[in-house]
C-alpha atoms as a PDB file:
ATOM      1  CA  MET A   1      97.051 190.016  35.468  1.00  0.00           C
ATOM      2  CA  LEU A   2      99.709 188.878  32.980  1.00  0.00           C
ATOM      3  CA  GLY A   3     100.020 191.229  30.053  1.00  0.00           C
ATOM      4  CA  TRP A   4      99.592 188.969  27.589  1.00  0.00           C
ATOM      5  CA  SER A   5      99.359 190.161  24.089  1.00  0.00           C
ATOM      6  CA  THR A   6      99.114 188.809  20.551  1.00  0.00           C
ATOM      7  CA  LEU A   7     102.593 188.071  18.787  1.00  0.00           C
ATOM      8  CA  THR A   8     103.942 186.357  15.844  1.00  0.00           C
ATOM      9  CA  ILE A   9     106.614 183.795  16.865  1.00  0.00           C
ATOM     10  CA  PRO A  10     109.945 184.027  14.633  1.00  0.00           C
ATOM     11  CA  HIS A  11     110.019 181.123  12.097  1.00  0.00           C
ATOM     12  CA  CYS A  12     113.904 180.689  12.989  1.00  0.00           C
ATOM     13  CA  ALA A  13     112.579 179.701  16.655  1.00  0.00           C
ATOM     14  CA  LEU A  14     110.289 176.584  15.400  1.00  0.00           C
ATOM     15  CA  SER A  15     112.982 175.292  12.492  1.00  0.00           C
ATOM     16  CA  VAL A  16     114.598 172.525  13.450  1.00  0.00           C
ATOM     17  CA  HIS A  17     104.009 158.115  32.201  1.00  0.00           C
ATOM     18  CA  SER A  18     102.885 156.578  35.317  1.00  0.00           C
ATOM     19  CA  LEU A  19     100.208 154.104  34.967  1.00  0.00           C
ATOM     20  CA  LEU A  20      96.894 155.062  33.821  1.00  0.00           C
ATOM     21  CA  ARG A  21      95.588 157.604  36.379  1.00  0.00           C
ATOM     22  CA  MET A  22      92.085 158.312  37.217  1.00  0.00           C
ATOM     23  CA  ARG A  23      90.298 160.977  35.317  1.00  0.00           C
ATOM     24  CA  ASN A  24      87.794 163.661  35.488  1.00  0.00           C
ATOM     25  CA  SER A  25      87.981 163.934  39.455  1.00  0.00           C
ATOM     26  CA  CYS A  26      89.437 167.311  41.023  1.00  0.00           C
ATOM     27  CA  SER A  27      89.403 166.210  44.623  1.00  0.00           C
ATOM     28  CA  ARG A  28      91.665 162.441  44.579  1.00  0.00           C
ATOM     29  CA  LEU A  29      94.026 162.712  47.614  1.00  0.00           C
ATOM     30  CA  SER A  30      97.644 161.299  47.113  1.00  0.00           C
ATOM     31  CA  VAL A  31     100.527 161.176  49.274  1.00  0.00           C
ATOM     32  CA  CYS A  32     103.134 164.458  48.265  1.00  0.00           C
ATOM     33  CA  VAL A  33     106.606 163.345  48.230  1.00  0.00           C
ATOM     34  CA  CYS A  34     109.121 166.559  48.276  1.00  0.00           C
ATOM     35  CA  LEU A  35     113.016 166.748  48.107  1.00  0.00           C
ATOM     36  CA  THR A  36     114.473 164.927  51.091  1.00  0.00           C
ATOM     37  CA  HIS A  37     118.313 166.251  50.827  1.00  0.00           C
ATOM     38  CA  LEU A  38     120.159 169.971  51.056  1.00  0.00           C
ATOM     39  CA  VAL A  39     121.721 169.741  47.793  1.00  0.00           C
ATOM     40  CA  GLN A  40     124.962 171.980  47.336  1.00  0.00           C
ATOM     41  CA  LEU A  41     124.526 174.270  44.281  1.00  0.00           C
ATOM     42  CA  ARG A  42     126.303 172.381  41.484  1.00  0.00           C
ATOM     43  CA  LYS A  43     126.707 173.137  37.834  1.00  0.00           C
ATOM     44  CA  ARG A  44     125.931 170.741  34.872  1.00  0.00           C
ATOM     45  CA  ASP A  45     125.988 171.699  31.260  1.00  0.00           C
ATOM     46  CA  SER A  46     125.615 175.646  32.175  1.00  0.00           C
ATOM     47  CA  LEU A  47     122.277 174.695  34.259  1.00  0.00           C
ATOM     48  CA  ASP A  48     122.664 176.011  37.511  1.00  0.00           C
ATOM     49  CA  TRP A  49     120.605 173.557  40.471  1.00  0.00           C
ATOM     50  CA  VAL A  50     119.696 174.716  43.760  1.00  0.00           C
ATOM     51  CA  ALA A  51     117.925 172.292  45.532  1.00  0.00           C
ATOM     52  CA  SER A  52     116.179 172.663  49.130  1.00  0.00           C
ATOM     53  CA  SER A  53     113.677 170.225  51.152  1.00  0.00           C
ATOM     54  CA  GLY A  54     110.410 171.516  50.489  1.00  0.00           C
ATOM     55  CA  GLU A  55     111.012 174.242  48.218  1.00  0.00           C
ATOM     56  CA  GLY A  56     111.595 172.583  45.028  1.00  0.00           C
ATOM     57  CA  VAL A  57     114.309 173.217  42.303  1.00  0.00           C
ATOM     58  CA  ASP A  58     115.700 176.336  40.326  1.00  0.00           C
ATOM     59  CA  TRP A  59     116.639 176.199  36.863  1.00  0.00           C
ATOM     60  CA  LEU A  60     118.196 179.346  36.350  1.00  0.00           C
ATOM     61  CA  LYS A  61     117.627 179.631  32.359  1.00  0.00           C
ATOM     62  CA  SER A  62     118.609 183.337  31.935  1.00  0.00           C
ATOM     63  CA  ALA A  63     118.491 186.441  33.570  1.00  0.00           C
ATOM     64  CA  THR A  64     114.868 186.862  32.649  1.00  0.00           C
ATOM     65  CA  MET A  65     113.214 183.528  33.271  1.00  0.00           C
ATOM     66  CA  LYS A  66     113.696 181.363  36.159  1.00  0.00           C
ATOM     67  CA  VAL A  67     111.918 178.052  36.058  1.00  0.00           C
ATOM     68  CA  LYS A  68     111.779 176.573  39.580  1.00  0.00           C
ATOM     69  CA  VAL A  69     110.553 172.661  39.755  1.00  0.00           C
ATOM     70  CA  ILE A  70     108.373 171.100  42.553  1.00  0.00           C
ATOM     71  CA  PRO A  71     107.981 167.754  43.009  1.00  0.00           C
ATOM     72  CA  VAL A  72     104.556 166.920  44.023  1.00  0.00           C
ATOM     73  CA  LEU A  73     102.279 163.879  44.957  1.00  0.00           C
ATOM     74  CA  GLU A  74     104.248 159.738  44.041  1.00  0.00           C
ATOM     75  CA  ASP A  75     106.551 161.602  40.952  1.00  0.00           C
ATOM     76  CA  ASN A  76     104.435 164.640  39.654  1.00  0.00           C
ATOM     77  CA  TYR A  77     105.929 167.718  38.660  1.00  0.00           C
ATOM     78  CA  MET A  78     104.000 171.411  38.732  1.00  0.00           C
ATOM     79  CA  TYR A  79     106.236 174.286  37.900  1.00  0.00           C
ATOM     80  CA  LEU A  80     106.111 177.842  38.368  1.00  0.00           C
ATOM     81  CA  ILE A  81     107.827 179.888  35.734  1.00  0.00           C
ATOM     82  CA  ILE A  82     108.944 183.803  37.168  1.00  0.00           C
ATOM     83  CA  GLU A  83     109.804 186.165  35.120  1.00  0.00           C
ATOM     84  CA  GLU A  84     112.903 187.658  36.925  1.00  0.00           C
ATOM     85  CA  HIS A  85     111.900 191.461  35.823  1.00  0.00           C
ATOM     86  CA  THR A  86     108.582 192.148  36.152  1.00  0.00           C
ATOM     87  CA  ARG A  87     108.047 189.235  38.920  1.00  0.00           C
ATOM     88  CA  GLU A  88     105.286 188.111  37.696  1.00  0.00           C
ATOM     89  CA  ALA A  89     105.183 184.566  37.705  1.00  0.00           C
ATOM     90  CA  VAL A  90     102.593 181.396  35.751  1.00  0.00           C
ATOM     91  CA  ALA A  91     102.102 177.479  37.151  1.00  0.00           C
ATOM     92  CA  VAL A  92     101.813 174.687  34.873  1.00  0.00           C
ATOM     93  CA  ASP A  93     100.078 171.482  36.354  1.00  0.00           C
ATOM     94  CA  VAL A  94      99.243 172.654  39.622  1.00  0.00           C
ATOM     95  CA  ALA A  95      98.721 169.636  42.163  1.00  0.00           C
ATOM     96  CA  VAL A  96      99.114 170.778  45.359  1.00  0.00           C
ATOM     97  CA  PRO A  97      98.213 174.737  45.794  1.00  0.00           C
ATOM     98  CA  LYS A  98      99.426 175.320  48.927  1.00  0.00           C
ATOM     99  CA  ARG A  99     103.000 174.548  48.543  1.00  0.00           C
ATOM    100  CA  LEU A 100     102.895 176.221  45.105  1.00  0.00           C
ATOM    101  CA  LEU A 101     101.653 179.497  47.187  1.00  0.00           C
ATOM    102  CA  GLU A 102     103.939 179.099  49.786  1.00  0.00           C
ATOM    103  CA  ILE A 103     107.150 178.638  47.101  1.00  0.00           C
ATOM    104  CA  ALA A 104     105.636 182.021  45.247  1.00  0.00           C
ATOM    105  CA  GLY A 105     105.301 183.640  48.593  1.00  0.00           C
ATOM    106  CA  ARG A 106     108.836 183.215  49.490  1.00  0.00           C
ATOM    107  CA  GLU A 107     110.025 183.987  45.853  1.00  0.00           C
ATOM    108  CA  GLY A 108     108.554 186.992  45.815  1.00  0.00           C
ATOM    109  CA  VAL A 109     106.764 186.712  42.899  1.00  0.00           C
ATOM    110  CA  SER A 110     102.403 187.700  41.479  1.00  0.00           C
ATOM    111  CA  LEU A 111     101.146 184.172  40.777  1.00  0.00           C
ATOM    112  CA  THR A 112      98.684 185.414  37.738  1.00  0.00           C
ATOM    113  CA  THR A 113      97.674 182.473  35.606  1.00  0.00           C
ATOM    114  CA  VAL A 114      98.067 178.908  35.711  1.00  0.00           C
ATOM    115  CA  LEU A 115      98.561 177.060  32.446  1.00  0.00           C
ATOM    116  CA  THR A 116      97.257 173.184  32.937  1.00  0.00           C
ATOM    117  CA  THR A 117      98.967 170.077  30.335  1.00  0.00           C
ATOM    118  CA  HIS A 118      95.841 167.940  30.611  1.00  0.00           C
ATOM    119  CA  HIS A 119      92.841 167.221  32.536  1.00  0.00           C
ATOM    120  CA  HIS A 120      94.092 164.093  34.333  1.00  0.00           C
ATOM    121  CA  TRP A 121      93.260 164.416  38.315  1.00  0.00           C
ATOM    122  CA  ASP A 122      97.294 164.667  39.112  1.00  0.00           C
ATOM    123  CA  HIS A 123      97.815 167.469  36.867  1.00  0.00           C
ATOM    124  CA  THR A 124      95.027 169.661  37.877  1.00  0.00           C
ATOM    125  CA  ARG A 125      93.538 168.602  41.327  1.00  0.00           C
ATOM    126  CA  GLY A 126      95.011 171.889  42.413  1.00  0.00           C
ATOM    127  CA  ASN A 127      92.871 174.391  40.139  1.00  0.00           C
ATOM    128  CA  ALA A 128      89.726 174.938  42.097  1.00  0.00           C
ATOM    129  CA  GLU A 129      91.235 175.416  45.318  1.00  0.00           C
ATOM    130  CA  LEU A 130      94.043 177.736  44.327  1.00  0.00           C
ATOM    131  CA  VAL A 131      91.263 179.412  42.348  1.00  0.00           C
ATOM    132  CA  HIS A 132      89.415 179.885  45.992  1.00  0.00           C
ATOM    133  CA  LEU A 133      92.472 180.583  47.659  1.00  0.00           C
ATOM    134  CA  GLN A 134      93.254 183.352  44.743  1.00  0.00           C
ATOM    135  CA  PRO A 135      90.135 184.651  43.224  1.00  0.00           C
ATOM    136  CA  GLY A 136      90.773 185.982  40.032  1.00  0.00           C
ATOM    137  CA  LEU A 137      93.340 183.586  38.590  1.00  0.00           C
ATOM    138  CA  ALA A 138      93.563 182.787  35.472  1.00  0.00           C
ATOM    139  CA  VAL A 139      93.341 179.085  34.433  1.00  0.00           C
ATOM    140  CA  MET A 140      94.039 177.948  30.785  1.00  0.00           C
ATOM    141  CA  GLY A 141      94.372 174.826  28.815  1.00  0.00           C
ATOM    142  CA  ALA A 142      92.729 173.227  25.726  1.00  0.00           C
ATOM    143  CA  ASP A 143      90.657 170.615  27.246  1.00  0.00           C
ATOM    144  CA  GLU A 144      87.320 171.582  28.857  1.00  0.00           C
ATOM    145  CA  ARG A 145      86.978 168.727  31.005  1.00  0.00           C
ATOM    146  CA  ILE A 146      90.067 170.779  32.987  1.00  0.00           C
ATOM    147  CA  CYS A 147      88.961 171.305  36.609  1.00  0.00           C
ATOM    148  CA  ALA A 148      88.453 175.468  37.425  1.00  0.00           C
ATOM    149  CA  LEU A 149      88.913 176.074  33.323  1.00  0.00           C
ATOM    150  CA  THR A 150      88.980 179.932  33.040  1.00  0.00           C
ATOM    151  CA  ARG A 151      89.960 180.227  29.197  1.00  0.00           C
ATOM    152  CA  ARG A 152      90.052 177.462  26.907  1.00  0.00           C
ATOM    153  CA  LEU A 153      93.040 177.728  24.236  1.00  0.00           C
ATOM    154  CA  ALA A 154      93.738 176.894  21.094  1.00  0.00           C
ATOM    155  CA  HIS A 155      96.772 175.345  19.106  1.00  0.00           C
ATOM    156  CA  GLY A 156      99.416 178.050  18.234  1.00  0.00           C
ATOM    157  CA  GLU A 157      97.920 180.663  20.266  1.00  0.00           C
ATOM    158  CA  GLU A 158     100.964 183.332  21.336  1.00  0.00           C
ATOM    159  CA  PHE A 159     101.104 185.406  24.507  1.00  0.00           C
ATOM    160  CA  GLN A 160     103.571 187.486  26.352  1.00  0.00           C
ATOM    161  CA  PHE A 161     104.758 188.164  29.204  1.00  0.00           C
ATOM    162  CA  GLY A 162     106.992 190.325  30.158  1.00  0.00           C
ATOM    163  CA  ALA A 163     109.768 189.475  27.995  1.00  0.00           C
ATOM    164  CA  ILE A 164     109.042 185.858  27.171  1.00  0.00           C
ATOM    165  CA  HIS A 165     106.790 184.699  24.550  1.00  0.00           C
ATOM    166  CA  MET A 166     104.760 181.769  24.844  1.00  0.00           C
ATOM    167  CA  ARG A 167     102.916 179.073  21.985  1.00  0.00           C
ATOM    168  CA  CYS A 168     100.437 176.690  23.000  1.00  0.00           C
ATOM    169  CA  LEU A 169     100.932 173.209  20.619  1.00  0.00           C
ATOM    170  CA  LEU A 170      98.135 171.084  20.831  1.00  0.00           C
ATOM    171  CA  THR A 171      99.124 167.591  21.028  1.00  0.00           C
ATOM    172  CA  PRO A 172      96.449 165.374  21.165  1.00  0.00           C
ATOM    173  CA  GLY A 173      97.664 161.466  21.874  1.00  0.00           C
ATOM    174  CA  HIS A 174      97.783 160.979  25.696  1.00  0.00           C
ATOM    175  CA  THR A 175      94.477 162.652  25.627  1.00  0.00           C
ATOM    176  CA  SER A 176      92.442 164.357  23.089  1.00  0.00           C
ATOM    177  CA  GLY A 177      92.487 168.127  24.540  1.00  0.00           C
ATOM    178  CA  HIS A 178      96.549 168.227  25.456  1.00  0.00           C
ATOM    179  CA  MET A 179      98.503 171.182  25.562  1.00  0.00           C
ATOM    180  CA  CYS A 180     102.265 171.656  25.618  1.00  0.00           C
ATOM    181  CA  TYR A 181     103.814 175.118  25.951  1.00  0.00           C
ATOM    182  CA  PHE A 182     106.879 176.389  24.058  1.00  0.00           C
ATOM    183  CA  LEU A 183     108.645 179.423  25.936  1.00  0.00           C
ATOM    184  CA  TRP A 184     111.166 181.942  24.666  1.00  0.00           C
ATOM    185  CA  GLU A 185     112.653 185.208  24.485  1.00  0.00           C
ATOM    186  CA  ASP A 186     113.926 187.540  21.819  1.00  0.00           C
ATOM    187  CA  GLU A 187     117.237 187.855  20.998  1.00  0.00           C
ATOM    188  CA  CYS A 188     118.505 185.957  23.642  1.00  0.00           C
ATOM    189  CA  LEU A 189     120.860 183.164  23.323  1.00  0.00           C
ATOM    190  CA  ASP A 190     119.443 180.769  25.760  1.00  0.00           C
ATOM    191  CA  PRO A 191     117.520 177.879  24.728  1.00  0.00           C
ATOM    192  CA  PRO A 192     113.905 177.761  24.795  1.00  0.00           C
ATOM    193  CA  ALA A 193     111.392 175.711  26.975  1.00  0.00           C
ATOM    194  CA  LEU A 194     109.401 173.138  26.385  1.00  0.00           C
ATOM    195  CA  PHE A 195     106.464 172.169  28.879  1.00  0.00           C
ATOM    196  CA  SER A 196     105.649 168.777  28.101  1.00  0.00           C
ATOM    197  CA  GLY A 197     103.320 167.417  30.739  1.00  0.00           C
ATOM    198  CA  ASP A 198     102.630 163.922  29.516  1.00  0.00           C
ATOM    199  CA  ALA A 199     102.760 164.433  25.851  1.00  0.00           C
ATOM    200  CA  LEU A 200     106.636 163.938  25.979  1.00  0.00           C
ATOM    201  CA  SER A 201     108.652 162.912  29.139  1.00  0.00           C
ATOM    202  CA  VAL A 202     112.818 161.923  29.456  1.00  0.00           C
ATOM    203  CA  ALA A 203     113.179 158.630  27.691  1.00  0.00           C
ATOM    204  CA  GLY A 204     109.555 158.303  27.109  1.00  0.00           C
ATOM    205  CA  CYS A 205     105.649 159.861  26.555  1.00  0.00           C
ATOM    206  CA  GLY A 206     102.566 159.250  27.466  1.00  0.00           C
ATOM    207  CA  TRP A 207     101.543 155.588  26.968  1.00  0.00           C
ATOM    208  CA  HIS A 208      98.168 155.115  27.167  1.00  0.00           C
ATOM    209  CA  LEU A 209      96.289 156.707  24.315  1.00  0.00           C
ATOM    210  CA  GLU A 210      93.159 158.485  24.494  1.00  0.00           C
ATOM    211  CA  ASP A 211      93.282 159.262  20.446  1.00  0.00           C
ATOM    212  CA  THR A 212      95.090 157.294  18.153  1.00  0.00           C
ATOM    213  CA  ALA A 213      98.556 156.344  17.375  1.00  0.00           C
ATOM    214  CA  GLN A 214      98.732 158.507  14.026  1.00  0.00           C
ATOM    215  CA  GLN A 215      97.464 161.489  16.071  1.00  0.00           C
ATOM    216  CA  MET A 216     100.156 160.689  18.849  1.00  0.00           C
ATOM    217  CA  TYR A 217     102.929 160.453  15.982  1.00  0.00           C
ATOM    218  CA  GLN A 218     102.122 163.535  14.636  1.00  0.00           C
ATOM    219  CA  SER A 219     102.819 165.440  17.837  1.00  0.00           C
ATOM    220  CA  LEU A 220     105.959 163.927  18.520  1.00  0.00           C
ATOM    221  CA  THR A 221     107.217 163.629  15.506  1.00  0.00           C
ATOM    222  CA  LYS A 222     105.885 166.922  13.719  1.00  0.00           C
ATOM    223  CA  THR A 223     104.576 169.167  16.650  1.00  0.00           C
ATOM    224  CA  LEU A 224     107.164 168.850  19.224  1.00  0.00           C
ATOM    225  CA  GLY A 225     109.797 167.220  17.375  1.00  0.00           C
ATOM    226  CA  THR A 226     110.412 170.078  14.819  1.00  0.00           C
ATOM    227  CA  LEU A 227     111.277 172.441  17.669  1.00  0.00           C
ATOM    228  CA  PRO A 228     114.665 173.636  18.006  1.00  0.00           C
ATOM    229  CA  PRO A 229     117.040 170.773  19.162  1.00  0.00           C
ATOM    230  CA  GLN A 230     118.307 173.070  21.889  1.00  0.00           C
ATOM    231  CA  THR A 231     114.611 173.524  23.567  1.00  0.00           C
ATOM    232  CA  LYS A 232     114.910 172.572  27.493  1.00  0.00           C
ATOM    233  CA  VAL A 233     112.162 169.930  28.144  1.00  0.00           C
ATOM    234  CA  PHE A 234     110.018 169.738  31.383  1.00  0.00           C
ATOM    235  CA  CYS A 235     107.908 167.100  31.888  1.00  0.00           C
ATOM    236  CA  GLY A 236     104.999 166.013  33.867  1.00  0.00           C
ATOM    237  CA  HIS A 237     106.146 162.978  35.121  1.00  0.00           C
ATOM    238  CA  GLU A 238     109.736 161.342  37.241  1.00  0.00           C
ATOM    239  CA  HIS A 239     109.941 158.324  35.293  1.00  0.00           C
ATOM    240  CA  THR A 240     113.519 158.747  33.903  1.00  0.00           C
ATOM    241  CA  LEU A 241     114.853 155.376  35.202  1.00  0.00           C
ATOM    242  CA  SER A 242     111.843 152.906  33.837  1.00  0.00           C
ATOM    243  CA  ASN A 243     111.978 155.061  30.675  1.00  0.00           C
ATOM    244  CA  LEU A 244     115.379 154.040  29.855  1.00  0.00           C
ATOM    245  CA  GLU A 245     115.260 150.875  31.419  1.00  0.00           C
ATOM    246  CA  PHE A 246     112.378 149.980  29.020  1.00  0.00           C
ATOM    247  CA  ALA A 247     113.866 152.243  25.947  1.00  0.00           C
ATOM    248  CA  GLN A 248     117.400 150.135  26.732  1.00  0.00           C
ATOM    249  CA  LYS A 249     115.335 146.608  26.353  1.00  0.00           C
ATOM    250  CA  VAL A 250     114.119 148.547  22.763  1.00  0.00           C
ATOM    251  CA  GLU A 251     117.776 149.369  21.867  1.00  0.00           C
ATOM    252  CA  PRO A 252     120.160 147.892  23.982  1.00  0.00           C
ATOM    253  CA  CYS A 253     122.964 148.304  21.752  1.00  0.00           C
ATOM    254  CA  ASN A 254     122.310 152.357  21.898  1.00  0.00           C
ATOM    255  CA  ASN A 255     125.239 153.904  23.828  1.00  0.00           C
ATOM    256  CA  HIS A 256     122.847 156.893  24.426  1.00  0.00           C
ATOM    257  CA  VAL A 257     120.197 154.895  26.278  1.00  0.00           C
ATOM    258  CA  ARG A 258     123.026 153.186  28.296  1.00  0.00           C
ATOM    259  CA  ALA A 259     125.077 156.460  29.048  1.00  0.00           C
ATOM    260  CA  LYS A 260     122.019 158.336  30.310  1.00  0.00           C
ATOM    261  CA  LEU A 261     120.727 155.510  32.305  1.00  0.00           C
ATOM    262  CA  SER A 262     123.774 155.734  34.202  1.00  0.00           C
ATOM    263  CA  TRP A 263     123.504 159.069  34.521  1.00  0.00           C
ATOM    264  CA  ALA A 264     119.805 158.810  35.872  1.00  0.00           C
ATOM    265  CA  GLN A 265     120.653 156.247  38.268  1.00  0.00           C
ATOM    266  CA  LYS A 266     122.773 158.717  39.869  1.00  0.00           C
ATOM    267  CA  ARG A 267     120.467 161.263  40.075  1.00  0.00           C
ATOM    268  CA  ASP A 268     118.056 159.295  41.504  1.00  0.00           C
ATOM    269  CA  ASP A 269     120.201 158.164  44.158  1.00  0.00           C
ATOM    270  CA  ASP A 270     121.217 161.666  44.843  1.00  0.00           C
ATOM    271  CA  ASP A 271     117.503 162.834  45.069  1.00  0.00           C
ATOM    272  CA  ILE A 272     117.863 165.036  42.242  1.00  0.00           C
ATOM    273  CA  PRO A 273     115.320 165.611  39.444  1.00  0.00           C
ATOM    274  CA  THR A 274     116.429 164.680  35.923  1.00  0.00           C
ATOM    275  CA  VAL A 275     114.303 167.852  34.107  1.00  0.00           C
ATOM    276  CA  PRO A 276     115.204 169.572  32.035  1.00  0.00           C
ATOM    277  CA  SER A 277     116.188 167.082  29.365  1.00  0.00           C
ATOM    278  CA  THR A 278     116.700 168.439  25.697  1.00  0.00           C
ATOM    279  CA  LEU A 279     114.986 167.980  22.786  1.00  0.00           C
ATOM    280  CA  GLY A 280     118.373 166.600  20.543  1.00  0.00           C
ATOM    281  CA  GLU A 281     118.862 164.480  23.884  1.00  0.00           C
ATOM    282  CA  GLU A 282     115.169 163.204  23.305  1.00  0.00           C
ATOM    283  CA  LEU A 283     116.157 162.256  19.590  1.00  0.00           C
ATOM    284  CA  LEU A 284     119.214 160.269  20.645  1.00  0.00           C
ATOM    285  CA  TYR A 285     117.969 157.972  23.336  1.00  0.00           C
ATOM    286  CA  ASN A 286     113.708 157.928  23.723  1.00  0.00           C
ATOM    287  CA  PRO A 287     112.062 155.303  21.977  1.00  0.00           C
ATOM    288  CA  PHE A 288     109.079 157.145  21.094  1.00  0.00           C
ATOM    289  CA  LEU A 289     110.474 159.547  18.786  1.00  0.00           C
ATOM    290  CA  ARG A 290     113.090 157.034  17.082  1.00  0.00           C
ATOM    291  CA  VAL A 291     109.928 155.318  15.216  1.00  0.00           C
ATOM    292  CA  THR A 292     111.972 155.234  11.905  1.00  0.00           C
ATOM    293  CA  GLU A 293     114.749 153.601  13.508  1.00  0.00           C
ATOM    294  CA  ASP A 294     115.870 150.101  11.785  1.00  0.00           C
ATOM    295  CA  PRO A 295     116.742 148.416  15.756  1.00  0.00           C
ATOM    296  CA  VAL A 296     113.195 149.961  17.066  1.00  0.00           C
ATOM    297  CA  ARG A 297     111.451 148.347  14.198  1.00  0.00           C
ATOM    298  CA  GLU A 298     113.106 145.479  14.876  1.00  0.00           C
ATOM    299  CA  PHE A 299     111.701 145.550  18.571  1.00  0.00           C
ATOM    300  CA  THR A 300     108.128 145.885  17.059  1.00  0.00           C
ATOM    301  CA  GLY A 301     108.117 144.097  14.439  1.00  0.00           C
ATOM    302  CA  GLN A 302     106.209 146.990  12.612  1.00  0.00           C
ATOM    303  CA  VAL A 303     107.411 149.248   9.661  1.00  0.00           C
ATOM    304  CA  ALA A 304     104.979 152.428   9.731  1.00  0.00           C
ATOM    305  CA  PRO A 305     105.526 154.827  11.787  1.00  0.00           C
ATOM    306  CA  ALA A 306     102.034 155.248  13.556  1.00  0.00           C
ATOM    307  CA  GLN A 307     102.065 151.151  14.146  1.00  0.00           C
ATOM    308  CA  VAL A 308     105.454 151.010  15.741  1.00  0.00           C
ATOM    309  CA  LEU A 309     104.450 153.920  18.210  1.00  0.00           C
ATOM    310  CA  GLU A 310     101.338 151.998  18.960  1.00  0.00           C
ATOM    311  CA  VAL A 311     103.221 148.454  19.236  1.00  0.00           C
ATOM    312  CA  LEU A 312     105.760 150.736  21.737  1.00  0.00           C
ATOM    313  CA  CYS A 313     102.553 152.009  23.821  1.00  0.00           C
ATOM    314  CA  ARG A 314     101.569 148.673  24.153  1.00  0.00           C
ATOM    315  CA  GLU A 315     104.967 146.896  25.514  1.00  0.00           C
ATOM    316  CA  ARG A 316     105.445 150.024  27.357  1.00  0.00           C
ATOM    317  CA  ALA A 317     102.142 149.092  29.487  1.00  0.00           C
ATOM    318  CA  ARG A 318     103.308 145.479  29.799  1.00  0.00           C
ATOM    319  CA  PHE A 319     106.657 146.399  30.786  1.00  0.00           C
ATOM    320  CA  GLN A 320     105.299 148.873  33.965  1.00  0.00           C
ATOM    321  CA  LEU A 321     102.940 146.093  34.402  1.00  0.00           C
ATOM    322  CA  ALA A 322     105.634 143.782  35.158  1.00  0.00           C
ATOM    323  CA  LEU A 323     107.466 146.696  37.079  1.00  0.00           C
ATOM    324  CA  GLU A 324     104.787 147.208  39.153  1.00  0.00           C
ATOM    325  CA  PRO A 325     101.608 145.397  38.990  1.00  0.00           C
ATOM    326  CA  PRO A 326      98.681 148.367  39.746  1.00  0.00           C
ATOM    327  CA  GLN A 327      95.799 148.490  41.373  1.00  0.00           C
ATOM    328  CA  PRO A 328      93.599 146.097  39.798  1.00  0.00           C
ATOM    329  CA  GLN A 329      90.497 148.482  39.108  1.00  0.00           C
ATOM    330  CA  VAL A 330      93.604 150.731  36.724  1.00  0.00           C
ATOM    331  CA  ARG A 331      94.904 146.723  35.433  1.00  0.00           C
ATOM    332  CA  ALA A 332      91.741 146.142  34.088  1.00  0.00           C
ATOM    333  CA  LEU A 333      91.505 149.754  32.298  1.00  0.00           C
ATOM    334  CA  LEU A 334      94.750 148.877  30.962  1.00  0.00           C
ATOM    335  CA  ALA A 335      93.979 145.582  29.969  1.00  0.00           C
ATOM    336  CA  LEU A 336      90.708 146.463  27.897  1.00  0.00           C
ATOM    337  CA  GLN A 337      92.767 149.245  25.878  1.00  0.00           C
ATOM    338  CA  TRP A 338      95.940 146.592  25.329  1.00  0.00           C
ATOM    339  CA  GLY A 339      94.515 143.375  25.871  1.00  0.00           C
ATOM    340  CA  LEU A 340      97.325 142.899  28.838  1.00  0.00           C
ATOM    341  CA  LEU A 341      95.511 140.038  30.314  1.00  0.00           C
ATOM    342  CA  SER A 342      96.154 137.743  27.229  1.00  0.00           C
ATOM    343  CA  THR A 343      99.595 136.270  27.159  1.00  0.00           C
ATOM    344  CA  PRO A 344     101.940 138.215  26.049  1.00  0.00           C
ATOM    345  CA  GLN A 345     104.956 137.339  23.267  1.00  0.00           C
ATOM    346  CA  GLU A 346     108.123 137.483  24.875  1.00  0.00           C
ATOM    347  CA  LYS A 347     110.596 139.541  22.950  1.00  0.00           C
END
């Protein structure tokens, strides 16, 4: 078991999606899509990437913490966080448990804990099987609907494993019990990491709202938006291309959107994940974090930030429907929430 202990997070550290998923199911099956190319070691912006088929992707953040990015299902990510000194490991959003255990075995680490961001099936479906395969595993999250939950977390709880500190950040909006996890190391110049699930993604967010737009606004701008700008953002889905295409529709003159879209298209061609981004980058091109900017307000026809965000979520859903019409039952749920079966007003 991880050596979890309570600590006080340094004040300075906190200064500065796919379509609606079927929920409440732990057993729904989906196709597991993994990386298909062997990618040679490359370096970009001080990040070391190594990718190989079936093994996930390494992101070596420091001598202490390594994050293994594991593409699963249609477009999900699960993560393995390794404390390099103790060889302890924590998993985030387990969807394919046997694959996770295979990777943990190859890494030679002891998996002790699962952190779950929210209860949707594509983020929890592996919990029950994983607990069966590895009895005694701790499964943590903020929502009682999470499969195989052993400990319910609260906003602001802080833990430590090895030299890595973690703070739980409740971010309602996408779901009422959505929890993000902020990790950092004391006396370390390397940037902290945020595991944001569906609350925040590259150039987007989980635009289906279980809570109000005001709650989501608070989560995005007050809870996540005030983290250090160098924070590395590890999100729950590979939706970057469609998110950026929508962002370009919202802000067609935003050069940051244009440059990021070009970069993401190249990554997609090379079959390389687009995670992580940084919070500072997201503030430049993510429309859901730019709700007070004039071009975003003009696109939505609203001024109040929460109303801008609500219109963005509705327009993002409509944009996705146009790109990839979903199954009839999913479309019906989207229509029920957003009224998308009515004739949309073209922007």
